[in-house]
Each structure stands twice: as structure tokens, then as C-alpha cells.
Amino acid sequence: AIYAKGWADNADEAFRRALRYLETRAIIKPDRERIAYVGHSFGGILAFHLANRLAKAGDDRVPRVIVTTDAAGISTIAYPEVSIDDLSSLPKDLHLVMMMAEDTYKARYQEKDACENDRKADPALSCNGFAANLRVFQRTPQIPSENKQAFLIPSEKRGKIELRADHNSAQGECHNDKHPINSLDT
């Protein structure tokens, strides 16, 4: 977990270098008024963490939109070094779109040891993706509710073409757990 402390710093530096490259060498220049962060799994948590950190510092790389797919909750080894416990610096005009895969949500409750704190009174203290979304909703009172959207992406397993919405669907990971890439991956 010690090396996890550097993940936010590494993401910040990579973003800074990418913008500098685009601004100085690319034909198409970035529009800092229209930045969006998109993150899957831990990348979702990192997007919120980095946006809050940059907003707190007055940095102009704060996004206008954050989109996450199956945010990791607090179950990653990076917690608490990269956390979403304090999101108070996120701007009030930020738009949030958080998607969660149905199979991931269902599987969490079948893994009794994976989230020992799932039964806490405050569901935002548990470590599943649903709780990560809830935590973001609860810890961003400055953002109007109409700017916060959460979606549960359902699986469709009837018929010949399976649309499996699980944590790895967003990656299009071939043959994960002996399941080939399916139509949702494509």
C-alpha cells in the first residue's frame, strides 16, 4: 500500500505532461474549459480524488464532468491514501455520471469476507461500488442533485447474445473467468 501513495501524484504528473505536449506540439489544442475525467474501477476513485485535490489548489485542470464505471469503493489498496472521504472542494457546477454494473453489485453480497463492513449503519462506509457512488452523492452537497446521475447497467442473459454487465465489461477483458468477450464488451 506504500506505493499507492504515489498513484495520485503519478496521474497528476501524467495529466500535466499530456496537456503540455498537446499545447506545445499538437495540431489540436486542449480546451481547458471542457475537461472531463473518465475512470473505471480505481480510476473512478482517482478521478474524484484528483479533481478535488486540483480544485483545492486552484488548478485550472479541474474537470467539468466526471464519468465513472464501477468505481472501486474503498476496497482498493490505495485507500486511504487516495480517498473520496473529502470532496468539499469539487466545484458546484461539476456534472457527475456514475455507472455501476449489475453483476458487480450482486456479486458483492455473495462474497461474505470481501466486505466485512457492508452491514454498517452508514452504507457509504462499506467498500462496494454502490457505496462509492453513495459516498460521492453524500459528500458533494455543493453539487445540485440534478448534476448527479447514477446508473445501474443491467445484464441481459436471455437469448443467444449475452450482455453481461460485470466489473470487467468496461475493459473488454478476453476470457476472464472463462467468459469470452461479449456484446457489451464490444
C-alpha atoms as a PDB file:
ATOM      1  CA  ALA A   1       0.000   0.000   0.000  1.00  0.00           C
ATOM      2  CA  ILE A   2       3.008   2.298   0.396  1.00  0.00           C
ATOM      3  CA  TYR A   3       3.450   2.669  -3.367  1.00  0.00           C
ATOM      4  CA  ALA A   4      -0.261   3.546  -3.691  1.00  0.00           C
ATOM      5  CA  LYS A   5       0.522   6.944  -2.174  1.00  0.00           C
ATOM      6  CA  GLY A   6       2.181   7.912  -5.450  1.00  0.00           C
ATOM      7  CA  TRP A   7      -0.723   6.941  -7.722  1.00  0.00           C
ATOM      8  CA  ALA A   8      -2.476  10.319  -7.486  1.00  0.00           C
ATOM      9  CA  ASP A   9       0.841  12.128  -7.938  1.00  0.00           C
ATOM     10  CA  ASN A  10       1.655   9.990 -10.981  1.00  0.00           C
ATOM     11  CA  ALA A  11      -1.771  10.626 -12.518  1.00  0.00           C
ATOM     12  CA  ASP A  12      -1.422  14.348 -11.864  1.00  0.00           C
ATOM     13  CA  GLU A  13       2.032  14.474 -13.455  1.00  0.00           C
ATOM     14  CA  ALA A  14       0.930  12.409 -16.479  1.00  0.00           C
ATOM     15  CA  PHE A  15      -2.029  14.740 -16.989  1.00  0.00           C
ATOM     16  CA  ARG A  16       0.206  17.818 -16.685  1.00  0.00           C
ATOM     17  CA  ARG A  17       2.689  16.396 -19.221  1.00  0.00           C
ATOM     18  CA  ALA A  18      -0.078  15.387 -21.649  1.00  0.00           C
ATOM     19  CA  LEU A  19      -1.561  18.891 -21.595  1.00  0.00           C
ATOM     20  CA  ARG A  20       1.862  20.481 -22.041  1.00  0.00           C
ATOM     21  CA  TYR A  21       2.558  18.210 -25.004  1.00  0.00           C
ATOM     22  CA  LEU A  22      -0.807  18.934 -26.620  1.00  0.00           C
ATOM     23  CA  GLU A  23      -0.467  22.685 -26.042  1.00  0.00           C
ATOM     24  CA  THR A  24       3.043  22.904 -27.482  1.00  0.00           C
ATOM     25  CA  ARG A  25       3.264  20.179 -30.139  1.00  0.00           C
ATOM     26  CA  ALA A  26      -0.168  19.003 -31.231  1.00  0.00           C
ATOM     27  CA  ILE A  27      -2.280  20.419 -34.031  1.00  0.00           C
ATOM     28  CA  ILE A  28      -5.434  20.260 -31.930  1.00  0.00           C
ATOM     29  CA  LYS A  29      -5.112  22.203 -28.682  1.00  0.00           C
ATOM     30  CA  PRO A  30      -6.893  21.177 -25.475  1.00  0.00           C
ATOM     31  CA  ASP A  31      -9.826  23.268 -24.268  1.00  0.00           C
ATOM     32  CA  ARG A  32      -9.353  23.682 -20.522  1.00  0.00           C
ATOM     33  CA  GLU A  33     -12.963  24.865 -20.205  1.00  0.00           C
ATOM     34  CA  ARG A  34     -14.220  21.444 -21.337  1.00  0.00           C
ATOM     35  CA  ILE A  35     -12.143  18.902 -19.414  1.00  0.00           C
ATOM     36  CA  ALA A  36     -13.759  15.596 -18.438  1.00  0.00           C
ATOM     37  CA  TYR A  37     -12.336  12.796 -16.320  1.00  0.00           C
ATOM     38  CA  VAL A  38     -13.398   9.225 -17.077  1.00  0.00           C
ATOM     39  CA  GLY A  39     -12.371   6.372 -14.811  1.00  0.00           C
ATOM     40  CA  HIS A  40     -13.086   2.671 -14.400  1.00  0.00           C
ATOM     41  CA  SER A  41     -12.697   0.885 -11.054  1.00  0.00           C
ATOM     42  CA  PHE A  42      -9.855   2.550  -9.129  1.00  0.00           C
ATOM     43  CA  GLY A  43      -9.656   5.086 -11.968  1.00  0.00           C
ATOM     44  CA  GLY A  44     -13.096   6.323 -10.886  1.00  0.00           C
ATOM     45  CA  ILE A  45     -11.926   6.927  -7.330  1.00  0.00           C
ATOM     46  CA  LEU A  46      -8.738   8.528  -8.661  1.00  0.00           C
ATOM     47  CA  ALA A  47     -10.799  10.873 -10.889  1.00  0.00           C
ATOM     48  CA  PHE A  48     -12.771  12.191  -7.892  1.00  0.00           C
ATOM     49  CA  HIS A  49      -9.699  12.382  -5.677  1.00  0.00           C
ATOM     50  CA  LEU A  50      -7.602  14.224  -8.261  1.00  0.00           C
ATOM     51  CA  ALA A  51     -10.412  16.634  -9.206  1.00  0.00           C
ATOM     52  CA  ASN A  52     -10.912  17.553  -5.540  1.00  0.00           C
ATOM     53  CA  ARG A  53      -7.188  17.963  -4.966  1.00  0.00           C
ATOM     54  CA  LEU A  54      -6.758  20.191  -8.037  1.00  0.00           C
ATOM     55  CA  ALA A  55      -9.832  22.273  -7.151  1.00  0.00           C
ATOM     56  CA  LYS A  56      -8.490  22.789  -3.638  1.00  0.00           C
ATOM     57  CA  ALA A  57      -5.198  24.016  -5.134  1.00  0.00           C
ATOM     58  CA  GLY A  58      -6.944  26.381  -7.574  1.00  0.00           C
ATOM     59  CA  ASP A  59      -5.587  24.436 -10.560  1.00  0.00           C
ATOM     60  CA  ASP A  60      -7.272  25.072 -13.923  1.00  0.00           C
ATOM     61  CA  ARG A  61      -7.324  21.358 -14.807  1.00  0.00           C
ATOM     62  CA  VAL A  62     -10.448  20.704 -12.743  1.00  0.00           C
ATOM     63  CA  PRO A  63     -12.990  18.850 -14.879  1.00  0.00           C
ATOM     64  CA  ARG A  64     -16.486  19.982 -15.825  1.00  0.00           C
ATOM     65  CA  VAL A  65     -17.658  16.345 -15.909  1.00  0.00           C
ATOM     66  CA  ILE A  66     -16.586  13.155 -14.130  1.00  0.00           C
ATOM     67  CA  VAL A  67     -17.777   9.820 -15.533  1.00  0.00           C
ATOM     68  CA  THR A  68     -17.084   6.602 -13.646  1.00  0.00           C
ATOM     69  CA  THR A  69     -17.784   2.960 -14.400  1.00  0.00           C
ATOM     70  CA  ASP A  70     -17.815   0.590 -11.456  1.00  0.00           C
ATOM     71  CA  ALA A  71     -15.875   2.838  -9.093  1.00  0.00           C
ATOM     72  CA  ALA A  72     -13.843   0.696  -6.716  1.00  0.00           C
ATOM     73  CA  GLY A  73     -15.214   1.899  -3.417  1.00  0.00           C
ATOM     74  CA  ILE A  74     -12.744   1.823  -0.573  1.00  0.00           C
ATOM     75  CA  SER A  75     -11.716  -1.776  -1.142  1.00  0.00           C
ATOM     76  CA  THR A  76      -8.560  -0.910  -3.076  1.00  0.00           C
ATOM     77  CA  ILE A  77      -5.105  -0.996  -1.556  1.00  0.00           C
ATOM     78  CA  ALA A  78      -4.831   2.723  -2.248  1.00  0.00           C
ATOM     79  CA  TYR A  79      -7.341   3.638   0.446  1.00  0.00           C
ATOM     80  CA  PRO A  80      -6.921   5.836   2.487  1.00  0.00           C
ATOM     81  CA  GLU A  81      -4.010   7.496   0.639  1.00  0.00           C
ATOM     82  CA  VAL A  82      -6.259   8.022  -2.403  1.00  0.00           C
ATOM     83  CA  SER A  83      -9.683   8.575  -0.896  1.00  0.00           C
ATOM     84  CA  ILE A  84     -13.015  10.173  -1.597  1.00  0.00           C
ATOM     85  CA  ASP A  85     -13.674  10.964   2.057  1.00  0.00           C
ATOM     86  CA  ASP A  86     -13.489  14.729   1.478  1.00  0.00           C
ATOM     87  CA  LEU A  87     -14.931  16.058  -1.776  1.00  0.00           C
ATOM     88  CA  SER A  88     -15.790  19.502  -0.465  1.00  0.00           C
ATOM     89  CA  SER A  89     -13.581  21.350  -2.956  1.00  0.00           C
ATOM     90  CA  LEU A  90     -15.309  19.988  -6.048  1.00  0.00           C
ATOM     91  CA  PRO A  91     -16.996  22.885  -7.876  1.00  0.00           C
ATOM     92  CA  LYS A  92     -20.765  23.256  -7.605  1.00  0.00           C
ATOM     93  CA  ASP A  93     -21.202  23.294 -11.389  1.00  0.00           C
ATOM     94  CA  LEU A  94     -19.485  19.902 -11.830  1.00  0.00           C
ATOM     95  CA  HIS A  95     -21.544  17.153 -13.501  1.00  0.00           C
ATOM     96  CA  LEU A  96     -21.244  13.585 -12.221  1.00  0.00           C
ATOM     97  CA  VAL A  97     -22.217  10.439 -14.119  1.00  0.00           C
ATOM     98  CA  MET A  98     -21.624   7.223 -12.171  1.00  0.00           C
ATOM     99  CA  MET A  99     -22.343   3.836 -13.725  1.00  0.00           C
ATOM    100  CA  MET A 100     -22.308   0.509 -11.945  1.00  0.00           C
ATOM    101  CA  ALA A 101     -22.542  -2.977 -13.411  1.00  0.00           C
ATOM    102  CA  GLU A 102     -25.396  -5.102 -12.084  1.00  0.00           C
ATOM    103  CA  ASP A 103     -23.349  -8.294 -11.733  1.00  0.00           C
ATOM    104  CA  THR A 104     -20.703  -6.495  -9.687  1.00  0.00           C
ATOM    105  CA  TYR A 105     -23.353  -5.102  -7.373  1.00  0.00           C
ATOM    106  CA  LYS A 106     -24.962  -8.526  -6.910  1.00  0.00           C
ATOM    107  CA  ALA A 107     -21.663 -10.386  -6.511  1.00  0.00           C
ATOM    108  CA  ARG A 108     -20.526  -8.168  -3.640  1.00  0.00           C
ATOM    109  CA  TYR A 109     -23.253  -9.548  -1.411  1.00  0.00           C
ATOM    110  CA  GLN A 110     -22.282 -13.139  -2.201  1.00  0.00           C
ATOM    111  CA  GLU A 111     -18.686 -12.543  -1.039  1.00  0.00           C
ATOM    112  CA  LYS A 112     -19.124 -12.596   2.718  1.00  0.00           C
ATOM    113  CA  ASP A 113     -15.455 -11.950   3.518  1.00  0.00           C
ATOM    114  CA  ALA A 114     -14.771  -9.363   0.826  1.00  0.00           C
ATOM    115  CA  CYS A 115     -16.626  -6.530   2.550  1.00  0.00           C
ATOM    116  CA  GLU A 116     -16.821  -7.230   6.237  1.00  0.00           C
ATOM    117  CA  ASN A 117     -18.127  -3.726   6.875  1.00  0.00           C
ATOM    118  CA  ASP A 118     -21.047  -3.905   4.375  1.00  0.00           C
ATOM    119  CA  ARG A 119     -23.501  -4.121   7.243  1.00  0.00           C
ATOM    120  CA  LYS A 120     -22.586  -0.805   8.864  1.00  0.00           C
ATOM    121  CA  ALA A 121     -25.382   1.637   9.618  1.00  0.00           C
ATOM    122  CA  ASP A 122     -23.969   4.140   7.121  1.00  0.00           C
ATOM    123  CA  PRO A 123     -23.905   2.281   3.792  1.00  0.00           C
ATOM    124  CA  ALA A 124     -21.407   4.823   2.463  1.00  0.00           C
ATOM    125  CA  LEU A 125     -18.824   3.301   4.807  1.00  0.00           C
ATOM    126  CA  SER A 126     -18.866  -0.061   3.055  1.00  0.00           C
ATOM    127  CA  CYS A 127     -16.407  -0.929   0.340  1.00  0.00           C
ATOM    128  CA  ASN A 128     -18.511  -1.867  -2.678  1.00  0.00           C
ATOM    129  CA  GLY A 129     -19.099   0.184  -5.824  1.00  0.00           C
ATOM    130  CA  PHE A 130     -22.631   1.095  -4.765  1.00  0.00           C
ATOM    131  CA  ALA A 131     -21.193   2.583  -1.593  1.00  0.00           C
ATOM    132  CA  ALA A 132     -18.599   4.528  -3.585  1.00  0.00           C
ATOM    133  CA  ASN A 133     -21.397   6.143  -5.588  1.00  0.00           C
ATOM    134  CA  LEU A 134     -23.404   6.818  -2.422  1.00  0.00           C
ATOM    135  CA  ARG A 135     -20.336   8.300  -0.746  1.00  0.00           C
ATOM    136  CA  VAL A 136     -19.863  10.700  -3.672  1.00  0.00           C
ATOM    137  CA  PHE A 137     -23.533  11.733  -3.532  1.00  0.00           C
ATOM    138  CA  GLN A 138     -23.372  12.322   0.221  1.00  0.00           C
ATOM    139  CA  ARG A 139     -20.045  14.139   0.235  1.00  0.00           C
ATOM    140  CA  THR A 140     -20.886  16.619  -2.535  1.00  0.00           C
ATOM    141  CA  PRO A 141     -23.769  18.682  -1.114  1.00  0.00           C
ATOM    142  CA  GLN A 142     -22.418  21.707  -3.014  1.00  0.00           C
ATOM    143  CA  ILE A 143     -23.315  19.996  -6.322  1.00  0.00           C
ATOM    144  CA  PRO A 144     -27.046  20.170  -7.108  1.00  0.00           C
ATOM    145  CA  SER A 145     -28.777  16.796  -7.353  1.00  0.00           C
ATOM    146  CA  GLU A 146     -29.726  17.472 -10.980  1.00  0.00           C
ATOM    147  CA  ASN A 147     -25.980  17.426 -11.782  1.00  0.00           C
ATOM    148  CA  LYS A 148     -25.503  13.955 -10.244  1.00  0.00           C
ATOM    149  CA  GLN A 149     -26.609  10.875 -12.145  1.00  0.00           C
ATOM    150  CA  ALA A 150     -26.132   7.241 -11.165  1.00  0.00           C
ATOM    151  CA  PHE A 151     -26.989   4.310 -13.406  1.00  0.00           C
ATOM    152  CA  LEU A 152     -27.158   0.593 -12.793  1.00  0.00           C
ATOM    153  CA  ILE A 153     -26.268  -1.162 -16.044  1.00  0.00           C
ATOM    154  CA  PRO A 154     -28.299  -4.372 -16.167  1.00  0.00           C
ATOM    155  CA  SER A 155     -27.108  -7.661 -17.601  1.00  0.00           C
ATOM    156  CA  GLU A 156     -29.167  -9.394 -20.241  1.00  0.00           C
ATOM    157  CA  LYS A 157     -28.507 -13.117 -20.391  1.00  0.00           C
ATOM    158  CA  ARG A 158     -31.547 -14.294 -22.313  1.00  0.00           C
ATOM    159  CA  GLY A 159     -31.214 -15.331 -25.919  1.00  0.00           C
ATOM    160  CA  LYS A 160     -28.141 -16.120 -27.970  1.00  0.00           C
ATOM    161  CA  ILE A 161     -26.307 -12.847 -27.354  1.00  0.00           C
ATOM    162  CA  GLU A 162     -25.340 -12.231 -23.738  1.00  0.00           C
ATOM    163  CA  LEU A 163     -24.903  -8.694 -22.475  1.00  0.00           C
ATOM    164  CA  ARG A 164     -23.001  -9.225 -19.243  1.00  0.00           C
ATOM    165  CA  ALA A 165     -22.592  -6.134 -17.073  1.00  0.00           C
ATOM    166  CA  ASP A 166     -19.801  -7.001 -14.659  1.00  0.00           C
ATOM    167  CA  HIS A 167     -16.755  -5.183 -13.341  1.00  0.00           C
ATOM    168  CA  ASN A 168     -14.545  -6.218 -16.238  1.00  0.00           C
ATOM    169  CA  SER A 169     -17.064  -5.478 -19.008  1.00  0.00           C
ATOM    170  CA  ALA A 170     -15.670  -1.978 -19.303  1.00  0.00           C
ATOM    171  CA  GLN A 171     -12.245  -3.412 -20.070  1.00  0.00           C
ATOM    172  CA  GLY A 172     -13.337  -5.887 -22.736  1.00  0.00           C
ATOM    173  CA  GLU A 173     -11.138  -8.435 -20.990  1.00  0.00           C
ATOM    174  CA  CYS A 174     -10.977 -11.595 -23.060  1.00  0.00           C
ATOM    175  CA  HIS A 175     -11.706 -14.894 -21.384  1.00  0.00           C
ATOM    176  CA  ASN A 176     -11.865 -13.517 -17.853  1.00  0.00           C
ATOM    177  CA  ASP A 177     -13.109 -16.404 -15.710  1.00  0.00           C
ATOM    178  CA  LYS A 178     -13.559 -18.397 -18.932  1.00  0.00           C
ATOM    179  CA  HIS A 179     -16.154 -15.923 -20.267  1.00  0.00           C
ATOM    180  CA  PRO A 180     -15.328 -14.685 -23.762  1.00  0.00           C
ATOM    181  CA  ILE A 181     -15.757 -11.074 -24.789  1.00  0.00           C
ATOM    182  CA  ASN A 182     -19.467 -10.475 -25.195  1.00  0.00           C
ATOM    183  CA  SER A 183     -21.644  -7.903 -26.913  1.00  0.00           C
ATOM    184  CA  LEU A 184     -21.475  -5.435 -24.005  1.00  0.00           C
ATOM    185  CA  ASP A 185     -17.669  -5.517 -24.193  1.00  0.00           C
ATOM    186  CA  THR A 186     -17.804  -4.849 -27.927  1.00  0.00           C
END
